[in-house]
Amino acid sequence: MRIGCPSALFFLLGFVCGAFYFTAVVGWKKKNGRFRLFSGFALCVQALTGMAFFAVYFRYGMGRETVLGILFASLLVLITLTDITDQSIPNRLLLPFFLLFLVLRFWHPYPGHGYVTHLASTAAAFLCFWMFAAASGGIGGGDIKLYAVIGMFLPPFPLFRAVLLSSIIGCLTVAVMLLLQRIKRRQMVAYGPFIAIGSFLSYLYGDVCPVGFNCG
């Protein structure tokens, strides 16, 4: 995929959508009576959303999968914002995206997979993480439901890789923050951003398999 005018338009679309997402989640929280729409955090969100939209287009080109990829990137940006600002991933955000993916993946399944694969993936994600939470309490209810939504979007192997990447990125980040004394031991850390990063990377490189594995 060549970088040209369409790529710039996708980045610009993401930049504009990022401003809307920031405003919808945190932009209306006032500071000294003024909205913080043009804060450094807001510009970072806009730039990252723009890069995410560009990456989806660069990876999948102009087609149905790009439409779904932009929706997926939007979900990940929104849950990152809500988890960072409120330490929660609300049902009112997850449910609409789950229903969207439930319908749209019937219209256009993940390349190389069928619709039943998506149903199996979301069911497996919910059950596995629910049992893990019941046994250890090591994951929140919002994260469990988020993985179920991601499972509706990604088939099993990319979902498994998303979980693995999220765990690695999360552990490394927390370890560095502990070493730098940015957080204390046993301090709660928002896990949603790590899920978002791992899931997005897995989505972009869903056809790349380790030796000895069959990703089809």
N, C-alpha and C. Protein backbone atom coordinates (compact mmCIF):
# COMPACT_ATOMS: atom_id res chain seq x y z
N MET A 1 0.85 -1.19 0.00
CA MET A 1 0.00 0.00 0.00
C MET A 1 0.88 1.24 0.00
N ARG A 2 0.74 2.10 -1.00
CA ARG A 2 1.56 3.30 -1.07
C ARG A 2 0.99 4.38 -0.16
N ILE A 3 1.90 5.18 0.37
CA ILE A 3 1.48 6.29 1.23
C ILE A 3 1.19 7.47 0.33
N GLY A 4 -0.03 7.97 0.35
CA GLY A 4 -0.42 9.08 -0.49
C GLY A 4 -1.59 9.82 0.10
N CYS A 5 -2.39 10.41 -0.78
CA CYS A 5 -3.52 11.22 -0.34
C CYS A 5 -4.52 10.44 0.51
N PRO A 6 -4.93 9.20 0.11
CA PRO A 6 -5.86 8.46 0.97
C PRO A 6 -5.31 8.21 2.37
N SER A 7 -4.02 7.94 2.47
CA SER A 7 -3.41 7.72 3.78
C SER A 7 -3.53 8.96 4.64
N ALA A 8 -3.25 10.11 4.05
CA ALA A 8 -3.36 11.37 4.79
C ALA A 8 -4.80 11.62 5.22
N LEU A 9 -5.74 11.27 4.36
CA LEU A 9 -7.15 11.47 4.70
C LEU A 9 -7.57 10.57 5.86
N PHE A 10 -7.07 9.35 5.88
CA PHE A 10 -7.39 8.45 6.99
C PHE A 10 -6.78 8.96 8.29
N PHE A 11 -5.56 9.47 8.22
CA PHE A 11 -4.95 10.05 9.42
C PHE A 11 -5.77 11.25 9.90
N LEU A 12 -6.17 12.10 8.96
CA LEU A 12 -6.96 13.28 9.33
C LEU A 12 -8.30 12.87 9.93
N LEU A 13 -8.94 11.85 9.35
CA LEU A 13 -10.20 11.35 9.90
C LEU A 13 -10.00 10.88 11.33
N GLY A 14 -8.93 10.13 11.57
CA GLY A 14 -8.65 9.67 12.92
C GLY A 14 -8.36 10.81 13.86
N PHE A 15 -7.65 11.82 13.39
CA PHE A 15 -7.32 12.98 14.22
C PHE A 15 -8.59 13.70 14.66
N VAL A 16 -9.52 13.87 13.72
CA VAL A 16 -10.80 14.53 14.04
C VAL A 16 -11.63 13.65 14.97
N CYS A 17 -11.70 12.35 14.68
CA CYS A 17 -12.46 11.44 15.55
C CYS A 17 -11.85 11.39 16.95
N GLY A 18 -10.51 11.46 17.03
CA GLY A 18 -9.86 11.48 18.33
C GLY A 18 -10.29 12.66 19.17
N ALA A 19 -10.46 13.82 18.54
CA ALA A 19 -10.94 15.00 19.26
C ALA A 19 -12.36 14.76 19.78
N PHE A 20 -13.18 14.12 18.95
CA PHE A 20 -14.56 13.83 19.37
C PHE A 20 -14.57 12.83 20.52
N TYR A 21 -13.75 11.79 20.42
CA TYR A 21 -13.71 10.78 21.48
C TYR A 21 -13.23 11.39 22.78
N PHE A 22 -12.20 12.22 22.70
CA PHE A 22 -11.68 12.87 23.91
C PHE A 22 -12.75 13.74 24.55
N THR A 23 -13.45 14.51 23.71
CA THR A 23 -14.51 15.38 24.23
C THR A 23 -15.62 14.57 24.85
N ALA A 24 -15.99 13.46 24.21
CA ALA A 24 -17.08 12.63 24.72
C ALA A 24 -16.75 12.01 26.07
N VAL A 25 -15.49 11.68 26.29
CA VAL A 25 -15.12 10.97 27.52
C VAL A 25 -14.62 11.91 28.60
N VAL A 26 -13.66 12.78 28.27
CA VAL A 26 -13.05 13.61 29.32
C VAL A 26 -13.06 15.10 29.02
N GLY A 27 -13.37 15.47 27.80
CA GLY A 27 -13.26 16.87 27.41
C GLY A 27 -14.21 17.81 28.12
N TRP A 28 -15.33 17.25 28.65
CA TRP A 28 -16.31 18.11 29.30
C TRP A 28 -16.03 18.29 30.79
N LYS A 29 -14.95 17.67 31.26
CA LYS A 29 -14.55 17.91 32.65
C LYS A 29 -13.82 19.24 32.69
N LYS A 30 -14.33 20.16 33.46
CA LYS A 30 -13.80 21.51 33.44
C LYS A 30 -12.57 21.65 34.34
N LYS A 31 -11.70 22.51 33.91
CA LYS A 31 -10.56 22.90 34.74
C LYS A 31 -10.47 24.42 34.70
N ASN A 32 -10.67 25.04 35.86
CA ASN A 32 -10.72 26.50 35.96
C ASN A 32 -11.78 27.08 35.04
N GLY A 33 -12.89 26.35 34.92
CA GLY A 33 -14.02 26.85 34.15
C GLY A 33 -13.88 26.75 32.65
N ARG A 34 -12.83 26.11 32.17
CA ARG A 34 -12.62 26.01 30.72
C ARG A 34 -12.45 24.55 30.32
N PHE A 35 -12.88 24.23 29.11
CA PHE A 35 -12.70 22.87 28.61
C PHE A 35 -11.25 22.65 28.22
N ARG A 36 -10.78 21.43 28.43
CA ARG A 36 -9.38 21.11 28.17
C ARG A 36 -9.22 20.39 26.83
N LEU A 37 -9.93 20.87 25.82
CA LEU A 37 -9.92 20.20 24.52
C LEU A 37 -8.55 20.26 23.85
N PHE A 38 -7.78 21.31 24.15
CA PHE A 38 -6.49 21.49 23.48
C PHE A 38 -5.32 21.21 24.41
N SER A 39 -5.52 20.35 25.38
CA SER A 39 -4.44 19.95 26.27
C SER A 39 -3.49 19.01 25.54
N GLY A 40 -2.31 18.80 26.15
CA GLY A 40 -1.35 17.87 25.56
C GLY A 40 -1.90 16.46 25.49
N PHE A 41 -2.67 16.07 26.51
CA PHE A 41 -3.28 14.74 26.53
C PHE A 41 -4.25 14.58 25.36
N ALA A 42 -5.05 15.62 25.11
CA ALA A 42 -6.02 15.57 24.01
C ALA A 42 -5.31 15.44 22.67
N LEU A 43 -4.26 16.23 22.46
CA LEU A 43 -3.53 16.16 21.20
C LEU A 43 -2.87 14.80 21.01
N CYS A 44 -2.41 14.21 22.11
CA CYS A 44 -1.82 12.87 22.04
C CYS A 44 -2.87 11.85 21.62
N VAL A 45 -4.08 11.95 22.19
CA VAL A 45 -5.17 11.05 21.83
C VAL A 45 -5.52 11.22 20.35
N GLN A 46 -5.59 12.46 19.89
CA GLN A 46 -5.93 12.71 18.49
C GLN A 46 -4.87 12.14 17.56
N ALA A 47 -3.60 12.36 17.90
CA ALA A 47 -2.51 11.86 17.05
C ALA A 47 -2.50 10.33 17.01
N LEU A 48 -2.69 9.69 18.16
CA LEU A 48 -2.69 8.23 18.22
C LEU A 48 -3.88 7.65 17.45
N THR A 49 -5.04 8.30 17.55
CA THR A 49 -6.20 7.84 16.80
C THR A 49 -5.96 7.98 15.30
N GLY A 50 -5.35 9.10 14.91
CA GLY A 50 -5.01 9.29 13.51
C GLY A 50 -4.06 8.22 13.00
N MET A 51 -3.04 7.90 13.79
CA MET A 51 -2.08 6.86 13.40
C MET A 51 -2.73 5.48 13.35
N ALA A 52 -3.69 5.24 14.26
CA ALA A 52 -4.39 3.95 14.25
C ALA A 52 -5.23 3.80 12.98
N PHE A 53 -5.96 4.84 12.60
CA PHE A 53 -6.77 4.79 11.38
C PHE A 53 -5.86 4.61 10.16
N PHE A 54 -4.75 5.34 10.15
CA PHE A 54 -3.80 5.21 9.04
C PHE A 54 -3.25 3.79 8.97
N ALA A 55 -2.92 3.20 10.12
CA ALA A 55 -2.36 1.85 10.15
C ALA A 55 -3.35 0.82 9.62
N VAL A 56 -4.63 0.99 9.96
CA VAL A 56 -5.66 0.07 9.45
C VAL A 56 -5.74 0.16 7.93
N TYR A 57 -5.77 1.38 7.41
CA TYR A 57 -5.83 1.55 5.96
C TYR A 57 -4.57 1.02 5.28
N PHE A 58 -3.41 1.30 5.88
CA PHE A 58 -2.14 0.85 5.31
C PHE A 58 -2.06 -0.67 5.28
N ARG A 59 -2.65 -1.31 6.29
CA ARG A 59 -2.60 -2.78 6.39
C ARG A 59 -3.63 -3.46 5.49
N TYR A 60 -4.85 -2.93 5.46
CA TYR A 60 -5.95 -3.64 4.79
C TYR A 60 -6.44 -2.96 3.51
N GLY A 61 -5.95 -1.77 3.20
CA GLY A 61 -6.37 -1.11 1.98
C GLY A 61 -7.77 -0.54 2.09
N MET A 62 -8.37 -0.25 0.95
CA MET A 62 -9.70 0.32 0.91
C MET A 62 -10.72 -0.80 0.71
N GLY A 63 -11.47 -1.12 1.75
CA GLY A 63 -12.44 -2.20 1.63
C GLY A 63 -13.24 -2.37 2.91
N ARG A 64 -13.98 -3.46 2.97
CA ARG A 64 -14.85 -3.72 4.11
C ARG A 64 -14.08 -3.86 5.41
N GLU A 65 -12.95 -4.57 5.34
CA GLU A 65 -12.19 -4.81 6.57
C GLU A 65 -11.68 -3.50 7.17
N THR A 66 -11.40 -2.53 6.33
CA THR A 66 -10.95 -1.23 6.84
C THR A 66 -12.05 -0.53 7.62
N VAL A 67 -13.28 -0.66 7.15
CA VAL A 67 -14.41 -0.07 7.88
C VAL A 67 -14.51 -0.68 9.27
N LEU A 68 -14.42 -2.01 9.34
CA LEU A 68 -14.48 -2.69 10.63
C LEU A 68 -13.27 -2.35 11.48
N GLY A 69 -12.11 -2.25 10.84
CA GLY A 69 -10.89 -1.92 11.58
C GLY A 69 -10.95 -0.55 12.22
N ILE A 70 -11.55 0.41 11.55
CA ILE A 70 -11.69 1.75 12.12
C ILE A 70 -12.63 1.72 13.32
N LEU A 71 -13.70 0.94 13.22
CA LEU A 71 -14.60 0.79 14.38
C LEU A 71 -13.87 0.13 15.54
N PHE A 72 -13.05 -0.87 15.25
CA PHE A 72 -12.30 -1.56 16.29
C PHE A 72 -11.30 -0.61 16.95
N ALA A 73 -10.59 0.16 16.14
CA ALA A 73 -9.65 1.14 16.68
C ALA A 73 -10.37 2.17 17.54
N SER A 74 -11.56 2.56 17.12
CA SER A 74 -12.35 3.53 17.89
C SER A 74 -12.73 2.97 19.26
N LEU A 75 -13.15 1.70 19.27
CA LEU A 75 -13.45 1.05 20.55
C LEU A 75 -12.24 1.07 21.47
N LEU A 76 -11.08 0.71 20.94
CA LEU A 76 -9.88 0.63 21.76
C LEU A 76 -9.46 1.99 22.30
N VAL A 77 -9.61 3.03 21.50
CA VAL A 77 -9.31 4.38 21.98
C VAL A 77 -10.27 4.78 23.10
N LEU A 78 -11.54 4.51 22.91
CA LEU A 78 -12.55 4.89 23.90
C LEU A 78 -12.38 4.16 25.22
N ILE A 79 -12.11 2.86 25.17
CA ILE A 79 -11.95 2.12 26.43
C ILE A 79 -10.66 2.53 27.13
N THR A 80 -9.64 2.89 26.36
CA THR A 80 -8.41 3.39 26.97
C THR A 80 -8.68 4.68 27.73
N LEU A 81 -9.44 5.58 27.13
CA LEU A 81 -9.77 6.85 27.78
C LEU A 81 -10.59 6.63 29.05
N THR A 82 -11.62 5.79 28.96
CA THR A 82 -12.47 5.59 30.14
C THR A 82 -11.72 4.89 31.26
N ASP A 83 -10.84 3.95 30.90
CA ASP A 83 -10.11 3.22 31.94
C ASP A 83 -9.06 4.11 32.60
N ILE A 84 -8.42 4.97 31.83
CA ILE A 84 -7.42 5.88 32.40
C ILE A 84 -8.07 6.92 33.29
N THR A 85 -9.19 7.48 32.84
CA THR A 85 -9.80 8.59 33.57
C THR A 85 -10.70 8.14 34.71
N ASP A 86 -11.40 7.01 34.55
CA ASP A 86 -12.38 6.59 35.55
C ASP A 86 -12.13 5.20 36.13
N GLN A 87 -11.07 4.53 35.67
CA GLN A 87 -10.77 3.18 36.13
C GLN A 87 -11.95 2.23 35.91
N SER A 88 -12.63 2.40 34.77
CA SER A 88 -13.77 1.55 34.46
C SER A 88 -13.94 1.45 32.95
N ILE A 89 -14.58 0.35 32.52
CA ILE A 89 -14.95 0.16 31.12
C ILE A 89 -16.45 -0.10 31.11
N PRO A 90 -17.26 0.93 30.88
CA PRO A 90 -18.71 0.81 31.09
C PRO A 90 -19.42 -0.06 30.07
N ASN A 91 -20.50 -0.70 30.53
CA ASN A 91 -21.31 -1.54 29.65
C ASN A 91 -21.93 -0.73 28.52
N ARG A 92 -22.28 0.52 28.79
CA ARG A 92 -22.93 1.35 27.76
C ARG A 92 -21.99 1.63 26.59
N LEU A 93 -20.70 1.41 26.79
CA LEU A 93 -19.74 1.53 25.70
C LEU A 93 -19.51 0.19 25.02
N LEU A 94 -19.42 -0.88 25.81
CA LEU A 94 -19.12 -2.20 25.25
C LEU A 94 -20.28 -2.80 24.48
N LEU A 95 -21.50 -2.64 24.99
CA LEU A 95 -22.65 -3.30 24.37
C LEU A 95 -22.89 -2.85 22.93
N PRO A 96 -22.88 -1.53 22.63
CA PRO A 96 -23.10 -1.14 21.22
C PRO A 96 -22.05 -1.71 20.28
N PHE A 97 -20.80 -1.75 20.72
CA PHE A 97 -19.75 -2.30 19.85
C PHE A 97 -19.91 -3.81 19.70
N PHE A 98 -20.32 -4.49 20.76
CA PHE A 98 -20.54 -5.93 20.64
C PHE A 98 -21.64 -6.21 19.62
N LEU A 99 -22.73 -5.46 19.69
CA LEU A 99 -23.83 -5.66 18.74
C LEU A 99 -23.40 -5.32 17.31
N LEU A 100 -22.59 -4.26 17.18
CA LEU A 100 -22.07 -3.90 15.86
C LEU A 100 -21.23 -5.02 15.27
N PHE A 101 -20.31 -5.54 16.06
CA PHE A 101 -19.44 -6.61 15.57
C PHE A 101 -20.22 -7.90 15.33
N LEU A 102 -21.24 -8.14 16.15
CA LEU A 102 -22.08 -9.32 15.97
C LEU A 102 -22.73 -9.31 14.59
N VAL A 103 -23.17 -8.13 14.16
CA VAL A 103 -23.82 -7.99 12.85
C VAL A 103 -22.79 -7.89 11.73
N LEU A 104 -21.78 -7.04 11.92
CA LEU A 104 -20.84 -6.76 10.83
C LEU A 104 -19.92 -7.94 10.52
N ARG A 105 -19.60 -8.75 11.53
CA ARG A 105 -18.77 -9.92 11.24
C ARG A 105 -19.57 -11.00 10.51
N PHE A 106 -20.88 -10.96 10.59
CA PHE A 106 -21.71 -11.83 9.75
C PHE A 106 -21.64 -11.35 8.30
N TRP A 107 -21.63 -10.04 8.14
CA TRP A 107 -21.52 -9.42 6.82
C TRP A 107 -20.13 -9.62 6.23
N HIS A 108 -19.12 -9.51 7.07
CA HIS A 108 -17.74 -9.64 6.60
C HIS A 108 -16.87 -10.25 7.71
N PRO A 109 -16.73 -11.58 7.74
CA PRO A 109 -15.87 -12.21 8.76
C PRO A 109 -14.41 -11.81 8.58
N TYR A 110 -13.64 -12.06 9.62
CA TYR A 110 -12.20 -11.82 9.56
C TYR A 110 -11.62 -12.64 8.40
N PRO A 111 -10.71 -12.05 7.60
CA PRO A 111 -10.18 -12.74 6.42
C PRO A 111 -9.68 -14.15 6.73
N GLY A 112 -10.19 -15.13 5.98
CA GLY A 112 -9.78 -16.51 6.15
C GLY A 112 -10.57 -17.28 7.20
N HIS A 113 -11.60 -16.67 7.77
CA HIS A 113 -12.38 -17.31 8.82
C HIS A 113 -13.87 -17.17 8.53
N GLY A 114 -14.67 -17.97 9.22
CA GLY A 114 -16.12 -17.92 9.08
C GLY A 114 -16.77 -17.26 10.29
N TYR A 115 -18.05 -16.98 10.17
CA TYR A 115 -18.77 -16.30 11.24
C TYR A 115 -18.82 -17.13 12.51
N VAL A 116 -18.96 -18.45 12.37
CA VAL A 116 -19.02 -19.33 13.54
C VAL A 116 -17.75 -19.21 14.37
N THR A 117 -16.63 -18.98 13.71
CA THR A 117 -15.36 -18.81 14.42
C THR A 117 -15.42 -17.63 15.38
N HIS A 118 -16.06 -16.57 14.96
CA HIS A 118 -16.19 -15.38 15.81
C HIS A 118 -17.09 -15.68 17.02
N LEU A 119 -18.17 -16.40 16.79
CA LEU A 119 -19.06 -16.76 17.90
C LEU A 119 -18.33 -17.63 18.92
N ALA A 120 -17.54 -18.58 18.41
CA ALA A 120 -16.77 -19.44 19.30
C ALA A 120 -15.72 -18.65 20.06
N SER A 121 -15.11 -17.69 19.39
CA SER A 121 -14.05 -16.89 20.01
C SER A 121 -14.59 -16.03 21.15
N THR A 122 -15.73 -15.38 20.93
CA THR A 122 -16.29 -14.53 21.99
C THR A 122 -16.77 -15.36 23.17
N ALA A 123 -17.36 -16.52 22.90
CA ALA A 123 -17.83 -17.39 23.99
C ALA A 123 -16.65 -17.92 24.80
N ALA A 124 -15.59 -18.34 24.11
CA ALA A 124 -14.41 -18.86 24.80
C ALA A 124 -13.74 -17.78 25.63
N ALA A 125 -13.65 -16.57 25.09
CA ALA A 125 -13.02 -15.47 25.82
C ALA A 125 -13.78 -15.17 27.11
N PHE A 126 -15.10 -15.07 27.00
CA PHE A 126 -15.89 -14.74 28.19
C PHE A 126 -15.79 -15.84 29.25
N LEU A 127 -15.94 -17.09 28.83
CA LEU A 127 -15.93 -18.19 29.79
C LEU A 127 -14.56 -18.35 30.45
N CYS A 128 -13.49 -18.27 29.65
CA CYS A 128 -12.15 -18.46 30.20
C CYS A 128 -11.80 -17.37 31.21
N PHE A 129 -12.08 -16.13 30.86
CA PHE A 129 -11.72 -15.04 31.77
C PHE A 129 -12.66 -14.96 32.96
N TRP A 130 -13.91 -15.37 32.77
CA TRP A 130 -14.83 -15.41 33.91
C TRP A 130 -14.37 -16.45 34.92
N MET A 131 -13.94 -17.62 34.43
CA MET A 131 -13.45 -18.66 35.34
C MET A 131 -12.15 -18.22 36.02
N PHE A 132 -11.30 -17.53 35.27
CA PHE A 132 -10.05 -17.03 35.86
C PHE A 132 -10.34 -16.01 36.95
N ALA A 133 -11.30 -15.12 36.70
CA ALA A 133 -11.66 -14.12 37.71
C ALA A 133 -12.28 -14.77 38.93
N ALA A 134 -13.12 -15.78 38.71
CA ALA A 134 -13.76 -16.47 39.83
C ALA A 134 -12.74 -17.20 40.69
N ALA A 135 -11.68 -17.70 40.06
CA ALA A 135 -10.67 -18.47 40.79
C ALA A 135 -9.65 -17.60 41.49
N SER A 136 -9.28 -16.48 40.85
CA SER A 136 -8.18 -15.68 41.41
C SER A 136 -8.53 -14.23 41.68
N GLY A 137 -9.59 -13.73 41.02
CA GLY A 137 -9.93 -12.32 41.18
C GLY A 137 -8.91 -11.38 40.56
N GLY A 138 -8.10 -11.91 39.65
CA GLY A 138 -7.02 -11.11 39.09
C GLY A 138 -7.39 -10.26 37.89
N ILE A 139 -8.66 -10.23 37.53
CA ILE A 139 -9.09 -9.43 36.38
C ILE A 139 -10.47 -8.87 36.66
N GLY A 140 -10.70 -7.64 36.24
CA GLY A 140 -11.97 -6.97 36.51
C GLY A 140 -13.07 -7.39 35.56
N GLY A 141 -14.31 -7.12 35.95
CA GLY A 141 -15.45 -7.47 35.12
C GLY A 141 -15.45 -6.74 33.80
N GLY A 142 -15.01 -5.47 33.80
CA GLY A 142 -14.95 -4.72 32.56
C GLY A 142 -13.96 -5.31 31.58
N ASP A 143 -12.83 -5.79 32.09
CA ASP A 143 -11.83 -6.42 31.22
C ASP A 143 -12.36 -7.73 30.63
N ILE A 144 -13.11 -8.48 31.44
CA ILE A 144 -13.69 -9.74 30.95
C ILE A 144 -14.64 -9.47 29.78
N LYS A 145 -15.52 -8.50 29.97
CA LYS A 145 -16.48 -8.18 28.91
C LYS A 145 -15.79 -7.57 27.70
N LEU A 146 -14.73 -6.81 27.94
CA LEU A 146 -13.98 -6.25 26.82
C LEU A 146 -13.36 -7.37 25.97
N TYR A 147 -12.79 -8.37 26.62
CA TYR A 147 -12.22 -9.49 25.87
C TYR A 147 -13.30 -10.25 25.10
N ALA A 148 -14.51 -10.31 25.65
CA ALA A 148 -15.62 -10.95 24.93
C ALA A 148 -15.95 -10.17 23.66
N VAL A 149 -15.93 -8.84 23.76
CA VAL A 149 -16.19 -8.00 22.58
C VAL A 149 -15.07 -8.17 21.56
N ILE A 150 -13.84 -8.18 22.04
CA ILE A 150 -12.70 -8.38 21.14
C ILE A 150 -12.78 -9.75 20.48
N GLY A 151 -13.24 -10.76 21.24
CA GLY A 151 -13.41 -12.09 20.68
C GLY A 151 -14.44 -12.13 19.58
N MET A 152 -15.44 -11.25 19.65
CA MET A 152 -16.43 -11.17 18.58
C MET A 152 -15.81 -10.58 17.31
N PHE A 153 -14.76 -9.81 17.49
CA PHE A 153 -14.09 -9.16 16.36
C PHE A 153 -12.95 -10.01 15.80
N LEU A 154 -12.18 -10.63 16.70
CA LEU A 154 -11.02 -11.42 16.28
C LEU A 154 -11.30 -12.91 16.42
N PRO A 155 -10.81 -13.74 15.50
CA PRO A 155 -10.92 -15.20 15.66
C PRO A 155 -9.95 -15.68 16.74
N PRO A 156 -10.00 -16.97 17.09
CA PRO A 156 -9.28 -17.47 18.27
C PRO A 156 -7.78 -17.19 18.31
N PHE A 157 -7.04 -17.50 17.23
CA PHE A 157 -5.59 -17.33 17.33
C PHE A 157 -5.18 -15.87 17.50
N PRO A 158 -5.69 -14.93 16.69
CA PRO A 158 -5.36 -13.52 16.95
C PRO A 158 -5.81 -13.06 18.33
N LEU A 159 -6.92 -13.60 18.83
CA LEU A 159 -7.36 -13.25 20.18
C LEU A 159 -6.36 -13.76 21.22
N PHE A 160 -5.92 -15.01 21.05
CA PHE A 160 -4.92 -15.56 21.97
C PHE A 160 -3.65 -14.72 21.96
N ARG A 161 -3.24 -14.33 20.77
CA ARG A 161 -2.03 -13.50 20.68
C ARG A 161 -2.27 -12.12 21.30
N ALA A 162 -3.48 -11.59 21.16
CA ALA A 162 -3.80 -10.30 21.80
C ALA A 162 -3.66 -10.40 23.31
N VAL A 163 -4.16 -11.50 23.88
CA VAL A 163 -4.05 -11.70 25.33
C VAL A 163 -2.59 -11.80 25.74
N LEU A 164 -1.81 -12.54 24.96
CA LEU A 164 -0.39 -12.72 25.27
C LEU A 164 0.36 -11.40 25.18
N LEU A 165 0.15 -10.66 24.11
CA LEU A 165 0.82 -9.37 23.95
C LEU A 165 0.42 -8.39 25.03
N SER A 166 -0.87 -8.36 25.36
CA SER A 166 -1.36 -7.45 26.40
C SER A 166 -0.69 -7.75 27.74
N SER A 167 -0.56 -9.04 28.04
CA SER A 167 0.06 -9.44 29.31
C SER A 167 1.53 -9.05 29.36
N ILE A 168 2.24 -9.29 28.25
CA ILE A 168 3.67 -8.96 28.21
C ILE A 168 3.87 -7.46 28.32
N ILE A 169 3.12 -6.70 27.53
CA ILE A 169 3.25 -5.24 27.56
C ILE A 169 2.89 -4.69 28.93
N GLY A 170 1.81 -5.21 29.51
CA GLY A 170 1.39 -4.76 30.83
C GLY A 170 2.42 -5.06 31.90
N CYS A 171 2.95 -6.27 31.91
CA CYS A 171 3.94 -6.66 32.92
C CYS A 171 5.21 -5.83 32.80
N LEU A 172 5.69 -5.64 31.57
CA LEU A 172 6.91 -4.85 31.37
C LEU A 172 6.70 -3.40 31.79
N THR A 173 5.55 -2.84 31.44
CA THR A 173 5.27 -1.44 31.79
C THR A 173 5.19 -1.26 33.29
N VAL A 174 4.48 -2.15 33.96
CA VAL A 174 4.35 -2.06 35.42
C VAL A 174 5.71 -2.24 36.09
N ALA A 175 6.52 -3.16 35.57
CA ALA A 175 7.85 -3.37 36.14
C ALA A 175 8.71 -2.11 36.04
N VAL A 176 8.67 -1.46 34.88
CA VAL A 176 9.43 -0.22 34.70
C VAL A 176 8.91 0.88 35.62
N MET A 177 7.59 0.99 35.74
CA MET A 177 7.00 2.01 36.61
C MET A 177 7.37 1.77 38.07
N LEU A 178 7.45 0.51 38.47
CA LEU A 178 7.87 0.19 39.84
C LEU A 178 9.34 0.56 40.06
N LEU A 179 10.18 0.26 39.08
CA LEU A 179 11.59 0.59 39.19
C LEU A 179 11.80 2.10 39.27
N LEU A 180 11.00 2.83 38.52
CA LEU A 180 11.10 4.30 38.53
C LEU A 180 10.31 4.93 39.67
N GLN A 181 9.66 4.08 40.47
CA GLN A 181 8.87 4.53 41.62
C GLN A 181 7.72 5.46 41.21
N ARG A 182 7.17 5.19 40.04
CA ARG A 182 5.99 5.94 39.59
C ARG A 182 4.72 5.39 40.22
N ILE A 183 4.75 4.13 40.59
CA ILE A 183 3.64 3.51 41.28
C ILE A 183 4.18 2.71 42.46
N LYS A 184 3.29 2.36 43.38
CA LYS A 184 3.67 1.55 44.52
C LYS A 184 3.19 0.12 44.32
N ARG A 185 3.80 -0.80 45.05
CA ARG A 185 3.37 -2.19 44.98
C ARG A 185 1.93 -2.30 45.44
N ARG A 186 1.18 -3.17 44.76
CA ARG A 186 -0.24 -3.40 45.01
C ARG A 186 -1.13 -2.22 44.62
N GLN A 187 -0.56 -1.21 43.99
CA GLN A 187 -1.37 -0.10 43.51
C GLN A 187 -2.13 -0.53 42.26
N MET A 188 -3.40 -0.14 42.17
CA MET A 188 -4.21 -0.50 41.01
C MET A 188 -3.73 0.25 39.77
N VAL A 189 -3.60 -0.48 38.67
CA VAL A 189 -3.18 0.10 37.40
C VAL A 189 -4.23 -0.24 36.35
N ALA A 190 -4.63 0.74 35.56
CA ALA A 190 -5.61 0.50 34.49
C ALA A 190 -5.03 -0.47 33.47
N TYR A 191 -5.72 -1.59 33.26
CA TYR A 191 -5.23 -2.63 32.35
C TYR A 191 -5.79 -2.46 30.94
N GLY A 192 -6.85 -1.66 30.81
CA GLY A 192 -7.48 -1.46 29.51
C GLY A 192 -6.53 -1.00 28.42
N PRO A 193 -5.65 -0.02 28.70
CA PRO A 193 -4.72 0.42 27.65
C PRO A 193 -3.82 -0.69 27.13
N PHE A 194 -3.40 -1.60 28.02
CA PHE A 194 -2.55 -2.71 27.59
C PHE A 194 -3.32 -3.69 26.71
N ILE A 195 -4.59 -3.92 27.08
CA ILE A 195 -5.45 -4.76 26.23
C ILE A 195 -5.61 -4.13 24.86
N ALA A 196 -5.78 -2.81 24.84
CA ALA A 196 -5.97 -2.10 23.57
C ALA A 196 -4.74 -2.23 22.68
N ILE A 197 -3.56 -2.01 23.25
CA ILE A 197 -2.32 -2.08 22.46
C ILE A 197 -2.10 -3.49 21.93
N GLY A 198 -2.21 -4.49 22.81
CA GLY A 198 -1.99 -5.87 22.39
C GLY A 198 -2.98 -6.32 21.34
N SER A 199 -4.24 -5.93 21.50
CA SER A 199 -5.28 -6.34 20.55
C SER A 199 -5.10 -5.68 19.20
N PHE A 200 -4.70 -4.41 19.21
CA PHE A 200 -4.52 -3.70 17.94
C PHE A 200 -3.33 -4.25 17.18
N LEU A 201 -2.24 -4.53 17.88
CA LEU A 201 -1.08 -5.12 17.22
C LEU A 201 -1.41 -6.49 16.65
N SER A 202 -2.15 -7.29 17.40
CA SER A 202 -2.55 -8.61 16.92
C SER A 202 -3.44 -8.49 15.69
N TYR A 203 -4.32 -7.50 15.69
CA TYR A 203 -5.22 -7.30 14.55
C TYR A 203 -4.44 -6.92 13.30
N LEU A 204 -3.45 -6.05 13.45
CA LEU A 204 -2.68 -5.61 12.29
C LEU A 204 -1.84 -6.73 11.70
N TYR A 205 -1.38 -7.65 12.56
CA TYR A 205 -0.50 -8.71 12.09
C TYR A 205 -1.13 -10.07 12.35
N GLY A 206 -2.42 -10.17 12.08
CA GLY A 206 -3.16 -11.40 12.36
C GLY A 206 -2.78 -12.57 11.49
N ASP A 207 -2.11 -12.32 10.36
CA ASP A 207 -1.74 -13.42 9.47
C ASP A 207 -0.29 -13.85 9.66
N VAL A 208 0.37 -13.30 10.68
CA VAL A 208 1.75 -13.67 10.96
C VAL A 208 1.75 -14.72 12.06
N CYS A 209 2.29 -15.90 11.79
CA CYS A 209 2.22 -17.02 12.72
C CYS A 209 3.61 -17.46 13.16
N PRO A 210 3.73 -17.89 14.41
CA PRO A 210 4.98 -18.51 14.82
C PRO A 210 5.19 -19.82 14.07
N VAL A 211 6.44 -20.24 13.94
CA VAL A 211 6.75 -21.50 13.26
C VAL A 211 6.09 -22.66 14.01
N GLY A 212 5.43 -23.53 13.24
CA GLY A 212 4.79 -24.69 13.86
C GLY A 212 3.33 -24.48 14.20
N PHE A 213 2.81 -23.24 14.01
CA PHE A 213 1.41 -22.97 14.29
C PHE A 213 0.65 -22.80 12.98
N ASN A 214 -0.60 -23.16 13.01
CA ASN A 214 -1.49 -22.95 11.87
C ASN A 214 -2.50 -21.90 12.24
N CYS A 215 -2.39 -20.71 11.66
CA CYS A 215 -3.27 -19.60 12.00
C CYS A 215 -4.52 -19.58 11.16
N GLY A 216 -4.61 -20.45 10.18
CA GLY A 216 -5.79 -20.44 9.31
C GLY A 216 -6.97 -20.94 10.01
